[in-house]
Amino acid sequence: MSNARAAPTYQSGERSVAANVTGSPPEARAAALEFLCQLAAEVSKGSVNLPCFPNVVLRIRKALADPDTTPEQTVKIVGAEPRLAARLLQVANSVTFNTSGKPLTDLRGAITRLGQQLVQCATMAFAVQQMKNEASLRAIARPLSAVWNESISVASICQVVARRTKVNPDEAFLTGLLHSIGRLYIMVRAVGSAKAFSREPAFKELVTGWHAAIGKAVLENWGFTERMSEAVGDQGVYENRGKHEADLSDVLIVSVVLAETLRRREPRIVAANGIAAFQSIGLNVKDCDAILKHTEYQLGSLHDALGC
């Protein structure tokens, strides 16, 4: 992957930003746009500054991405942060991830059971919890929870949808969990830099159009695979992307739409018209209904495992 990145750009789609956002004065919209442009320029140059984000999460990411890292080294990194070690054991012993029913008490066993992708999911859960507990971010604790809860839903759906394709379900789960990292990044940075207008409708609407591109740049900076970074960047691209076999981007696009549907009251109608990913994967109305019902069934245990 090239180190030179194009600056993230505003993206408009079926569910993105309206041309004229009502409810905000022109100066608020201009300030919001300027803030997002500055943020996009920073991340495009490789400068990712996420206040209160635990450094151990990125150390684990780097270690797991290195094929020369031994299990003992990973255990040592995790063990240096007792709260994270406790979280990993909790996740590994949860109903969702402990299919054998055999409890684990050692960290190495927990890491082995979960595997690389799910260890990273557990560390992200730990990171979000730490950020919510920070006094400086208390004002956005509830929005952070909302974003995280949505991410768990998308991750759960990604895993189910991926099983209908050749995409690795655990990689899809992690991608779903990280799909709103751009939104989280913007929210946290806005606490210090854009507090005056961060609650304006204009700002919230602009974030909808920018978060995917910024999220892609953040994941690239953190060393995630090009496949995952591209999927996060493409999550709002509904038109045909010129290929035939379903890939990770298709899985995420479909899962974000289905997660939106899950938040609605019955009767739920999946807004799949014009979204090529549904055709690429081959999902019909019955398939979508079955996926939503399965997700509802397992969300409770997933929130117990990863919720914060």
Protein backbone atom coordinates (compact mmCIF):
# COMPACT_ATOMS: atom_id res chain seq x y z
CA MET A 1 0.00 0.00 0.00
CA SER A 2 1.34 3.42 -0.89
CA ASN A 3 2.11 5.79 1.97
CA ALA A 4 0.80 8.71 -0.07
CA ARG A 5 -2.92 9.06 0.45
CA ALA A 6 -5.40 11.24 -1.34
CA ALA A 7 -7.25 13.57 0.98
CA PRO A 8 -10.61 12.12 2.03
CA THR A 9 -13.44 13.78 0.17
CA TYR A 10 -17.08 14.46 0.85
CA GLN A 11 -19.31 11.65 -0.44
CA SER A 12 -22.96 12.02 -1.26
CA GLY A 13 -25.29 9.05 -1.56
CA GLU A 14 -28.84 7.96 -1.03
CA ARG A 15 -28.59 8.45 2.73
CA SER A 16 -26.01 11.20 2.81
CA VAL A 17 -25.96 14.96 3.09
CA ALA A 18 -28.61 17.17 1.57
CA ALA A 19 -27.41 20.06 -0.55
CA ASN A 20 -28.93 22.60 1.82
CA VAL A 21 -29.09 21.62 5.47
CA THR A 22 -31.87 23.41 7.31
CA GLY A 23 -31.77 24.42 10.93
CA SER A 24 -28.24 25.87 10.96
CA PRO A 25 -27.09 29.40 10.06
CA PRO A 26 -24.69 29.65 7.08
CA GLU A 27 -21.77 30.52 9.36
CA ALA A 28 -22.28 27.31 11.36
CA ARG A 29 -22.29 25.24 8.18
CA ALA A 30 -19.15 27.00 6.94
CA ALA A 31 -17.38 26.40 10.27
CA ALA A 32 -18.41 22.73 10.27
CA LEU A 33 -17.17 22.26 6.72
CA GLU A 34 -13.86 23.97 7.50
CA PHE A 35 -13.35 21.75 10.56
CA LEU A 36 -14.00 18.56 8.59
CA CYS A 37 -11.74 19.68 5.74
CA GLN A 38 -8.91 20.32 8.21
CA LEU A 39 -9.49 16.93 9.85
CA ALA A 40 -9.50 15.20 6.46
CA ALA A 41 -6.27 16.94 5.47
CA GLU A 42 -4.60 15.78 8.69
CA VAL A 43 -5.50 12.12 8.33
CA SER A 44 -4.64 12.11 4.62
CA LYS A 45 -1.09 13.12 5.63
CA GLY A 46 -0.92 10.27 8.16
CA SER A 47 -1.52 12.41 11.22
CA VAL A 48 -4.07 10.58 13.38
CA ASN A 49 -4.65 12.15 16.76
CA LEU A 50 -7.39 10.44 18.76
CA PRO A 51 -7.38 11.82 22.33
CA CYS A 52 -7.84 9.33 25.16
CA PHE A 53 -7.49 6.32 22.83
CA PRO A 54 -5.41 3.67 24.68
CA ASN A 55 -2.01 3.16 23.04
CA VAL A 56 -2.08 -0.53 23.95
CA VAL A 57 -4.76 -1.10 21.31
CA LEU A 58 -2.43 0.01 18.52
CA ARG A 59 0.50 -1.93 20.02
CA ILE A 60 -1.60 -5.08 19.87
CA ARG A 61 -2.68 -4.27 16.32
CA LYS A 62 0.96 -3.87 15.27
CA ALA A 63 2.01 -7.06 17.04
CA LEU A 64 -0.76 -9.14 15.49
CA ALA A 65 0.05 -7.78 12.02
CA ASP A 66 3.69 -8.91 12.38
CA PRO A 67 4.11 -12.59 11.43
CA ASP A 68 7.24 -12.76 13.60
CA THR A 69 5.33 -11.92 16.80
CA THR A 70 5.13 -14.95 19.07
CA PRO A 71 2.10 -15.80 21.22
CA GLU A 72 4.24 -15.09 24.30
CA GLN A 73 4.95 -11.56 23.05
CA THR A 74 1.26 -10.91 22.47
CA VAL A 75 0.42 -12.20 25.95
CA LYS A 76 3.09 -9.91 27.40
CA ILE A 77 1.64 -6.84 25.63
CA VAL A 78 -1.89 -7.61 26.77
CA GLY A 79 -0.81 -8.60 30.26
CA ALA A 80 0.80 -5.21 30.77
CA GLU A 81 -2.72 -3.73 30.86
CA PRO A 82 -4.67 -5.72 33.51
CA ARG A 83 -8.03 -4.19 32.57
CA LEU A 84 -7.58 -5.25 28.95
CA ALA A 85 -6.49 -8.73 30.01
CA ALA A 86 -9.66 -9.02 32.08
CA ARG A 87 -11.76 -7.89 29.12
CA LEU A 88 -10.18 -10.48 26.81
CA LEU A 89 -10.87 -13.25 29.31
CA GLN A 90 -14.46 -12.01 29.68
CA VAL A 91 -15.00 -12.05 25.92
CA ALA A 92 -13.35 -15.46 25.46
CA ASN A 93 -15.59 -16.93 28.15
CA SER A 94 -18.79 -15.28 26.90
CA VAL A 95 -21.67 -17.34 25.54
CA THR A 96 -21.05 -15.92 22.05
CA PHE A 97 -17.38 -16.88 21.76
CA ASN A 98 -17.12 -19.88 24.08
CA THR A 99 -19.00 -22.44 22.04
CA SER A 100 -17.33 -25.33 23.86
CA GLY A 101 -18.63 -24.18 27.24
CA LYS A 102 -15.17 -24.75 28.74
CA PRO A 103 -14.06 -21.79 30.88
CA LEU A 104 -10.59 -20.32 30.49
CA THR A 105 -8.50 -18.68 33.19
CA ASP A 106 -5.24 -18.05 31.32
CA LEU A 107 -4.64 -15.16 28.95
CA ARG A 108 -2.83 -17.19 26.31
CA GLY A 109 -5.76 -19.59 26.08
CA ALA A 110 -8.16 -16.67 25.70
CA ILE A 111 -6.10 -15.15 22.88
CA THR A 112 -5.83 -18.51 21.12
CA ARG A 113 -9.57 -19.13 21.40
CA LEU A 114 -10.51 -15.75 20.00
CA GLY A 115 -7.95 -15.52 17.22
CA GLN A 116 -6.40 -12.40 15.70
CA GLN A 117 -9.53 -10.67 14.45
CA LEU A 118 -11.63 -11.18 17.58
CA VAL A 119 -8.76 -10.15 19.87
CA GLN A 120 -8.79 -6.84 18.01
CA CYS A 121 -12.58 -6.63 18.45
CA ALA A 122 -12.16 -7.09 22.21
CA THR A 123 -9.42 -4.46 22.37
CA MET A 124 -11.66 -1.98 20.54
CA ALA A 125 -14.41 -2.65 23.09
CA PHE A 126 -11.86 -1.92 25.80
CA ALA A 127 -10.79 1.30 24.03
CA VAL A 128 -14.34 2.63 23.72
CA GLN A 129 -14.98 1.90 27.39
CA GLN A 130 -11.84 3.82 28.41
CA MET A 131 -12.81 6.76 26.24
CA LYS A 132 -16.30 6.89 27.71
CA ASN A 133 -14.80 6.96 31.21
CA GLU A 134 -12.56 9.94 30.44
CA ALA A 135 -13.74 13.12 32.14
CA SER A 136 -12.79 15.21 29.09
CA LEU A 137 -15.12 13.13 26.89
CA ARG A 138 -18.01 12.85 29.32
CA ALA A 139 -20.12 15.21 27.20
CA ILE A 140 -20.18 12.66 24.36
CA ALA A 141 -20.43 9.48 26.44
CA ARG A 142 -23.98 8.80 25.28
CA PRO A 143 -23.28 9.45 21.57
CA LEU A 144 -20.20 7.22 21.85
CA SER A 145 -22.40 4.47 23.28
CA ALA A 146 -24.88 4.92 20.44
CA VAL A 147 -22.14 4.63 17.81
CA TRP A 148 -20.69 1.57 19.53
CA ASN A 149 -24.08 -0.14 19.81
CA GLU A 150 -24.69 0.47 16.13
CA SER A 151 -21.23 -0.92 15.34
CA ILE A 152 -22.00 -4.13 17.24
CA SER A 153 -25.19 -4.56 15.21
CA VAL A 154 -23.36 -3.99 11.93
CA ALA A 155 -20.58 -6.40 13.00
CA SER A 156 -23.09 -9.11 13.86
CA ILE A 157 -24.84 -8.74 10.51
CA CYS A 158 -21.49 -8.67 8.66
CA GLN A 159 -20.57 -12.03 10.15
CA VAL A 160 -23.85 -13.63 9.05
CA VAL A 161 -23.79 -12.09 5.56
CA ALA A 162 -20.12 -13.05 5.04
CA ARG A 163 -21.02 -16.73 5.45
CA ARG A 164 -23.01 -16.42 2.23
CA THR A 165 -19.83 -15.35 0.42
CA LYS A 166 -16.14 -16.26 0.34
CA VAL A 167 -15.34 -13.42 2.77
CA ASN A 168 -13.83 -14.44 6.11
CA PRO A 169 -16.60 -14.02 8.75
CA ASP A 170 -14.22 -12.91 11.51
CA GLU A 171 -12.64 -10.29 9.26
CA ALA A 172 -16.13 -9.13 8.31
CA PHE A 173 -17.08 -8.92 11.99
CA LEU A 174 -14.06 -6.71 12.77
CA THR A 175 -14.74 -4.54 9.72
CA GLY A 176 -18.32 -4.02 10.87
CA LEU A 177 -17.12 -3.12 14.35
CA LEU A 178 -14.75 -0.52 12.85
CA HIS A 179 -17.06 0.83 10.15
CA SER A 180 -17.88 3.97 12.20
CA ILE A 181 -14.34 4.69 13.39
CA GLY A 182 -14.46 7.85 11.26
CA ARG A 183 -17.61 9.02 13.05
CA LEU A 184 -16.03 8.26 16.42
CA TYR A 185 -12.85 10.08 15.38
CA ILE A 186 -14.79 13.18 14.33
CA MET A 187 -16.88 13.18 17.52
CA VAL A 188 -13.84 12.97 19.81
CA ARG A 189 -11.90 15.64 17.95
CA ALA A 190 -14.92 17.93 17.88
CA VAL A 191 -15.05 17.99 21.69
CA GLY A 192 -11.93 20.12 21.78
CA SER A 193 -11.98 21.85 18.40
CA ALA A 194 -15.59 22.24 17.30
CA LYS A 195 -17.61 22.38 20.49
CA ALA A 196 -19.33 25.61 19.48
CA PHE A 197 -21.05 24.10 16.45
CA SER A 198 -20.79 20.32 16.91
CA ARG A 199 -24.47 20.07 17.89
CA GLU A 200 -25.67 22.01 14.86
CA PRO A 201 -27.75 20.05 12.32
CA ALA A 202 -25.30 21.13 9.62
CA PHE A 203 -22.39 19.51 11.44
CA LYS A 204 -24.26 16.26 12.06
CA GLU A 205 -25.37 16.04 8.44
CA LEU A 206 -21.89 16.79 7.10
CA VAL A 207 -20.43 14.05 9.30
CA THR A 208 -22.71 11.58 7.50
CA GLY A 209 -21.03 12.43 4.23
CA TRP A 210 -17.45 12.53 5.50
CA HIS A 211 -17.05 9.82 8.13
CA ALA A 212 -16.46 6.88 5.76
CA ALA A 213 -13.54 8.57 3.97
CA ILE A 214 -12.00 9.73 7.24
CA GLY A 215 -12.50 6.27 8.73
CA LYS A 216 -10.70 4.71 5.78
CA ALA A 217 -7.73 7.03 6.27
CA VAL A 218 -7.60 6.26 10.01
CA LEU A 219 -7.54 2.49 9.37
CA GLU A 220 -4.83 2.90 6.74
CA ASN A 221 -2.76 4.86 9.26
CA TRP A 222 -3.25 2.16 11.88
CA GLY A 223 -2.03 -0.54 9.52
CA PHE A 224 -5.24 -2.41 8.80
CA THR A 225 -5.43 -4.29 5.51
CA GLU A 226 -6.22 -2.48 2.30
CA ARG A 227 -9.28 -4.71 1.96
CA MET A 228 -10.72 -3.54 5.29
CA SER A 229 -9.81 0.11 4.73
CA GLU A 230 -11.41 0.09 1.28
CA ALA A 231 -14.58 -1.52 2.63
CA VAL A 232 -14.97 1.18 5.29
CA GLY A 233 -14.42 3.86 2.66
CA ASP A 234 -16.91 2.24 0.26
CA GLN A 235 -19.73 1.68 2.77
CA GLY A 236 -21.90 4.36 1.18
CA VAL A 237 -21.20 3.42 -2.46
CA TYR A 238 -24.45 1.88 -3.67
CA GLU A 239 -23.92 1.72 -7.41
CA ASN A 240 -22.25 -1.21 -9.18
CA ARG A 241 -18.50 -1.13 -8.57
CA GLY A 242 -17.66 -3.11 -11.72
CA LYS A 243 -17.13 -6.64 -10.41
CA HIS A 244 -19.06 -9.85 -10.03
CA GLU A 245 -17.94 -11.82 -7.00
CA ALA A 246 -19.10 -10.41 -3.66
CA ASP A 247 -16.32 -8.97 -1.52
CA LEU A 248 -15.87 -7.37 1.91
CA SER A 249 -17.15 -4.01 0.66
CA ASP A 250 -20.39 -5.64 -0.50
CA VAL A 251 -20.79 -7.36 2.86
CA LEU A 252 -20.34 -4.09 4.76
CA ILE A 253 -22.63 -2.06 2.48
CA VAL A 254 -25.43 -4.59 2.90
CA SER A 255 -24.86 -4.88 6.64
CA VAL A 256 -25.01 -1.12 7.25
CA VAL A 257 -28.33 -0.95 5.37
CA LEU A 258 -29.72 -3.95 7.26
CA ALA A 259 -28.61 -2.45 10.59
CA GLU A 260 -30.50 0.73 9.71
CA THR A 261 -33.55 -1.43 8.98
CA LEU A 262 -33.17 -3.24 12.31
CA ARG A 263 -33.54 0.06 14.18
CA ARG A 264 -36.95 0.71 12.63
CA ARG A 265 -40.30 -0.43 13.94
CA GLU A 266 -42.19 -3.31 12.39
CA PRO A 267 -43.09 -3.85 9.63
CA ARG A 268 -39.52 -3.41 8.42
CA ILE A 269 -38.81 -2.86 4.75
CA VAL A 270 -35.23 -3.15 3.52
CA ALA A 271 -34.39 -0.24 1.22
CA ALA A 272 -32.33 -2.35 -1.17
CA ASN A 273 -33.39 -0.73 -4.44
CA GLY A 274 -30.43 0.74 -6.30
CA ILE A 275 -27.88 -0.92 -4.01
CA ALA A 276 -25.82 -3.28 -6.18
CA ALA A 277 -24.28 -5.12 -3.21
CA PHE A 278 -27.56 -6.92 -2.52
CA GLN A 279 -27.47 -8.34 -6.04
CA SER A 280 -23.75 -9.18 -5.81
CA ILE A 281 -24.37 -11.30 -2.72
CA GLY A 282 -27.69 -12.62 -3.99
CA LEU A 283 -29.93 -11.56 -1.10
CA ASN A 284 -33.68 -11.58 -1.50
CA VAL A 285 -36.42 -10.37 0.86
CA LYS A 286 -36.61 -13.69 2.74
CA ASP A 287 -32.83 -13.79 3.16
CA CYS A 288 -32.82 -10.29 4.62
CA ASP A 289 -35.66 -11.13 6.99
CA ALA A 290 -33.82 -14.24 8.20
CA ILE A 291 -30.61 -12.26 8.76
CA LEU A 292 -32.43 -9.62 10.78
CA LYS A 293 -34.15 -12.21 12.95
CA HIS A 294 -30.86 -14.03 13.59
CA THR A 295 -29.20 -10.74 14.51
CA GLU A 296 -31.97 -9.83 16.96
CA TYR A 297 -31.55 -13.24 18.57
CA GLN A 298 -27.81 -12.93 19.16
CA LEU A 299 -27.45 -9.19 19.84
CA GLY A 300 -28.10 -9.58 23.56
CA SER A 301 -25.22 -11.98 24.09
CA LEU A 302 -22.98 -9.92 21.82
CA HIS A 303 -23.65 -6.79 23.84
CA ASP A 304 -22.86 -8.75 27.01
CA ALA A 305 -19.53 -9.77 25.47
CA LEU A 306 -18.53 -6.53 23.74
CA GLY A 307 -20.89 -3.91 25.10
CA CYS A 308 -19.73 -1.01 27.20
